[in-house]
Amino acid sequence: MPELVKDLALMADTLVTAVLVLLHLLILRGFLPLFLRPDGTAVWHLAASYVWLSSAIGARAIYWAYAPEVVRTFLGRGIVNVLFGVALIYGAYLVLKLLWLIIPDIDRGKYSILTAPWYPASSEWRISVLLNLLRRTRG
């Protein structure tokens, strides 16, 4: 590959990463006040799941793209990927718990966090519930 193409690809990668980091920080700032009040509500689970999932994905991408070769060689792939994987698993658990928490009390007992994604068939219902919860928390 010609050097000019490599340089352009590296510049594009750096620019895209910078934009993603800035967007992540803006969204993180919006969720941080909710995340820092761990009250077990659906709104907290929404904020916490975003913080965990996006931070783990972002940290993993930054690590593999920008960590010095000596650090990546020393740590290897295994332990680093396990740590990022555990953070992603916890974030996914928080999303499943959120989906379970927004099921109305009358129906919640019929579902677990693993079956909650199937309640109800309409995703419009789920979106409206989340928006209402956020409005009440922020207002």
C-alpha atoms as a PDB file:
ATOM      1  CA  MET A   1       0.000   0.000   0.000  1.00  0.00           C
ATOM      2  CA  PRO A   2       1.433   3.415  -0.877  1.00  0.00           C
ATOM      3  CA  GLU A   3       2.573   5.579   2.048  1.00  0.00           C
ATOM      4  CA  LEU A   4       0.108   8.349   1.172  1.00  0.00           C
ATOM      5  CA  VAL A   5      -2.823   5.922   1.434  1.00  0.00           C
ATOM      6  CA  LYS A   6      -1.512   4.600   4.765  1.00  0.00           C
ATOM      7  CA  ASP A   7      -1.130   8.150   6.091  1.00  0.00           C
ATOM      8  CA  LEU A   8      -4.640   9.119   4.968  1.00  0.00           C
ATOM      9  CA  ALA A   9      -6.118   5.979   6.517  1.00  0.00           C
ATOM     10  CA  LEU A  10      -4.329   6.692   9.797  1.00  0.00           C
ATOM     11  CA  MET A  11      -5.540  10.313   9.786  1.00  0.00           C
ATOM     12  CA  ALA A  12      -9.099   9.172   9.060  1.00  0.00           C
ATOM     13  CA  ASP A  13      -8.903   6.601  11.861  1.00  0.00           C
ATOM     14  CA  THR A  14      -7.647   9.235  14.289  1.00  0.00           C
ATOM     15  CA  LEU A  15     -10.359  11.689  13.267  1.00  0.00           C
ATOM     16  CA  VAL A  16     -13.164   9.111  13.538  1.00  0.00           C
ATOM     17  CA  THR A  17     -11.866   7.964  16.931  1.00  0.00           C
ATOM     18  CA  ALA A  18     -11.732  11.562  18.176  1.00  0.00           C
ATOM     19  CA  VAL A  19     -15.329  12.204  17.045  1.00  0.00           C
ATOM     20  CA  LEU A  20     -16.510   8.976  18.695  1.00  0.00           C
ATOM     21  CA  VAL A  21     -14.759   9.852  21.944  1.00  0.00           C
ATOM     22  CA  LEU A  22     -16.281  13.348  21.959  1.00  0.00           C
ATOM     23  CA  LEU A  23     -19.773  11.992  21.273  1.00  0.00           C
ATOM     24  CA  HIS A  24     -19.327   9.371  23.967  1.00  0.00           C
ATOM     25  CA  LEU A  25     -18.238  12.023  26.473  1.00  0.00           C
ATOM     26  CA  LEU A  26     -21.265  14.187  25.648  1.00  0.00           C
ATOM     27  CA  ILE A  27     -23.686  11.291  26.096  1.00  0.00           C
ATOM     28  CA  LEU A  28     -21.821  10.124  29.180  1.00  0.00           C
ATOM     29  CA  ARG A  29     -22.175  13.618  30.661  1.00  0.00           C
ATOM     30  CA  GLY A  30     -25.914  13.396  30.127  1.00  0.00           C
ATOM     31  CA  PHE A  31     -26.181  10.037  31.884  1.00  0.00           C
ATOM     32  CA  LEU A  32     -23.638  10.683  34.638  1.00  0.00           C
ATOM     33  CA  PRO A  33     -25.991  12.415  37.123  1.00  0.00           C
ATOM     34  CA  LEU A  34     -28.376   9.453  36.831  1.00  0.00           C
ATOM     35  CA  PHE A  35     -25.565   6.889  37.002  1.00  0.00           C
ATOM     36  CA  LEU A  36     -24.150   8.435  40.177  1.00  0.00           C
ATOM     37  CA  ARG A  37     -27.480   7.881  41.986  1.00  0.00           C
ATOM     38  CA  PRO A  38     -27.667   4.072  42.122  1.00  0.00           C
ATOM     39  CA  ASP A  39     -31.249   3.590  43.264  1.00  0.00           C
ATOM     40  CA  GLY A  40     -32.033   0.389  41.350  1.00  0.00           C
ATOM     41  CA  THR A  41     -34.682   2.032  39.176  1.00  0.00           C
ATOM     42  CA  ALA A  42     -35.161   1.474  35.468  1.00  0.00           C
ATOM     43  CA  VAL A  43     -33.705   4.915  34.765  1.00  0.00           C
ATOM     44  CA  TRP A  44     -30.558   4.082  36.731  1.00  0.00           C
ATOM     45  CA  HIS A  45     -30.225   0.797  34.820  1.00  0.00           C
ATOM     46  CA  LEU A  46     -30.548   2.708  31.541  1.00  0.00           C
ATOM     47  CA  ALA A  47     -27.774   5.105  32.551  1.00  0.00           C
ATOM     48  CA  ALA A  48     -25.560   2.392  34.027  1.00  0.00           C
ATOM     49  CA  SER A  49     -25.928   0.115  31.015  1.00  0.00           C
ATOM     50  CA  TYR A  50     -24.901   2.939  28.693  1.00  0.00           C
ATOM     51  CA  VAL A  51     -21.926   3.844  30.875  1.00  0.00           C
ATOM     52  CA  TRP A  52     -20.697   0.245  31.111  1.00  0.00           C
ATOM     53  CA  LEU A  53     -21.312  -0.817  27.514  1.00  0.00           C
ATOM     54  CA  SER A  54     -20.085   2.282  25.736  1.00  0.00           C
ATOM     55  CA  SER A  55     -17.086   2.738  28.023  1.00  0.00           C
ATOM     56  CA  ALA A  56     -16.006  -0.882  27.601  1.00  0.00           C
ATOM     57  CA  ILE A  57     -16.437  -0.756  23.822  1.00  0.00           C
ATOM     58  CA  GLY A  58     -14.608   2.567  23.616  1.00  0.00           C
ATOM     59  CA  ALA A  59     -11.788   1.509  25.930  1.00  0.00           C
ATOM     60  CA  ARG A  60     -11.322  -1.732  23.992  1.00  0.00           C
ATOM     61  CA  ALA A  61     -11.168   0.104  20.668  1.00  0.00           C
ATOM     62  CA  ILE A  62      -8.738   2.712  22.005  1.00  0.00           C
ATOM     63  CA  TYR A  63      -6.562   0.042  23.638  1.00  0.00           C
ATOM     64  CA  TRP A  64      -6.195  -2.046  20.495  1.00  0.00           C
ATOM     65  CA  ALA A  65      -5.726   0.991  18.246  1.00  0.00           C
ATOM     66  CA  TYR A  66      -3.436   3.140  20.380  1.00  0.00           C
ATOM     67  CA  ALA A  67      -1.800   1.220  23.226  1.00  0.00           C
ATOM     68  CA  PRO A  68       1.930   0.991  22.651  1.00  0.00           C
ATOM     69  CA  GLU A  69       3.072  -2.290  21.149  1.00  0.00           C
ATOM     70  CA  VAL A  70       5.237  -3.010  24.204  1.00  0.00           C
ATOM     71  CA  VAL A  71       2.153  -2.778  26.466  1.00  0.00           C
ATOM     72  CA  ARG A  72       0.052  -5.017  24.187  1.00  0.00           C
ATOM     73  CA  THR A  73       2.892  -7.540  23.986  1.00  0.00           C
ATOM     74  CA  PHE A  74       3.384  -7.532  27.763  1.00  0.00           C
ATOM     75  CA  LEU A  75      -0.312  -7.923  28.608  1.00  0.00           C
ATOM     76  CA  GLY A  76      -1.146 -10.219  25.719  1.00  0.00           C
ATOM     77  CA  ARG A  77      -4.630 -10.670  24.303  1.00  0.00           C
ATOM     78  CA  GLY A  78      -6.205 -12.957  26.861  1.00  0.00           C
ATOM     79  CA  ILE A  79      -6.394 -10.971  30.077  1.00  0.00           C
ATOM     80  CA  VAL A  80      -7.226  -7.693  28.320  1.00  0.00           C
ATOM     81  CA  ASN A  81     -10.046  -9.216  26.280  1.00  0.00           C
ATOM     82  CA  VAL A  82     -11.389 -10.999  29.380  1.00  0.00           C
ATOM     83  CA  LEU A  83     -11.515  -7.700  31.307  1.00  0.00           C
ATOM     84  CA  PHE A  84     -13.282  -5.912  28.466  1.00  0.00           C
ATOM     85  CA  GLY A  85     -15.590  -8.921  28.029  1.00  0.00           C
ATOM     86  CA  VAL A  86     -16.571  -8.938  31.713  1.00  0.00           C
ATOM     87  CA  ALA A  87     -17.422  -5.226  31.535  1.00  0.00           C
ATOM     88  CA  LEU A  88     -19.557  -5.876  28.433  1.00  0.00           C
ATOM     89  CA  ILE A  89     -21.317  -8.803  30.099  1.00  0.00           C
ATOM     90  CA  TYR A  90     -22.156  -6.641  33.121  1.00  0.00           C
ATOM     91  CA  GLY A  91     -23.465  -3.906  30.811  1.00  0.00           C
ATOM     92  CA  ALA A  92     -25.627  -6.443  28.994  1.00  0.00           C
ATOM     93  CA  TYR A  93     -26.958  -7.706  32.342  1.00  0.00           C
ATOM     94  CA  LEU A  94     -27.946  -4.125  33.224  1.00  0.00           C
ATOM     95  CA  VAL A  95     -29.848  -3.780  29.927  1.00  0.00           C
ATOM     96  CA  LEU A  96     -31.707  -7.036  30.564  1.00  0.00           C
ATOM     97  CA  LYS A  97     -32.541  -5.918  34.094  1.00  0.00           C
ATOM     98  CA  LEU A  98     -33.785  -2.595  32.674  1.00  0.00           C
ATOM     99  CA  LEU A  99     -36.065  -4.434  30.236  1.00  0.00           C
ATOM    100  CA  TRP A 100     -37.419  -6.502  33.127  1.00  0.00           C
ATOM    101  CA  LEU A 101     -37.957  -3.431  35.346  1.00  0.00           C
ATOM    102  CA  ILE A 102     -40.065  -1.602  32.760  1.00  0.00           C
ATOM    103  CA  ILE A 103     -42.552  -4.473  32.541  1.00  0.00           C
ATOM    104  CA  PRO A 104     -45.691  -3.436  34.469  1.00  0.00           C
ATOM    105  CA  ASP A 105     -45.860  -4.893  37.990  1.00  0.00           C
ATOM    106  CA  ILE A 106     -48.883  -6.994  37.102  1.00  0.00           C
ATOM    107  CA  ASP A 107     -46.913  -8.884  34.428  1.00  0.00           C
ATOM    108  CA  ARG A 108     -43.338  -8.691  35.749  1.00  0.00           C
ATOM    109  CA  GLY A 109     -43.616 -11.876  37.817  1.00  0.00           C
ATOM    110  CA  LYS A 110     -44.258 -13.877  34.645  1.00  0.00           C
ATOM    111  CA  TYR A 111     -40.858 -12.895  33.220  1.00  0.00           C
ATOM    112  CA  SER A 112     -37.199 -13.180  34.146  1.00  0.00           C
ATOM    113  CA  ILE A 113     -34.426 -10.919  32.948  1.00  0.00           C
ATOM    114  CA  LEU A 114     -33.750 -13.494  30.231  1.00  0.00           C
ATOM    115  CA  THR A 115     -37.332 -13.516  28.947  1.00  0.00           C
ATOM    116  CA  ALA A 116     -38.039  -9.798  29.463  1.00  0.00           C
ATOM    117  CA  PRO A 117     -36.924  -8.861  25.920  1.00  0.00           C
ATOM    118  CA  TRP A 118     -40.014 -10.690  24.609  1.00  0.00           C
ATOM    119  CA  TYR A 119     -42.463  -8.473  26.508  1.00  0.00           C
ATOM    120  CA  PRO A 120     -44.511  -7.160  24.756  1.00  0.00           C
ATOM    121  CA  ALA A 121     -44.413  -7.695  21.020  1.00  0.00           C
ATOM    122  CA  SER A 122     -44.506  -3.933  20.371  1.00  0.00           C
ATOM    123  CA  SER A 123     -41.208  -2.073  20.669  1.00  0.00           C
ATOM    124  CA  GLU A 124     -43.131   1.223  20.552  1.00  0.00           C
ATOM    125  CA  TRP A 125     -44.429   0.464  24.034  1.00  0.00           C
ATOM    126  CA  ARG A 126     -40.890   0.005  25.374  1.00  0.00           C
ATOM    127  CA  ILE A 127     -39.660   3.275  23.865  1.00  0.00           C
ATOM    128  CA  SER A 128     -42.597   5.248  25.276  1.00  0.00           C
ATOM    129  CA  VAL A 129     -42.045   3.771  28.756  1.00  0.00           C
ATOM    130  CA  LEU A 130     -38.347   4.710  28.694  1.00  0.00           C
ATOM    131  CA  LEU A 131     -39.070   8.241  27.484  1.00  0.00           C
ATOM    132  CA  ASN A 132     -41.677   8.742  30.216  1.00  0.00           C
ATOM    133  CA  LEU A 133     -39.266   7.486  32.883  1.00  0.00           C
ATOM    134  CA  LEU A 134     -36.546   9.851  31.671  1.00  0.00           C
ATOM    135  CA  ARG A 135     -38.947  12.807  31.563  1.00  0.00           C
ATOM    136  CA  ARG A 136     -40.042  12.190  35.146  1.00  0.00           C
ATOM    137  CA  THR A 137     -36.444  11.824  36.375  1.00  0.00           C
ATOM    138  CA  ARG A 138     -35.132  14.934  34.620  1.00  0.00           C
ATOM    139  CA  GLY A 139     -38.191  17.109  35.185  1.00  0.00           C
END
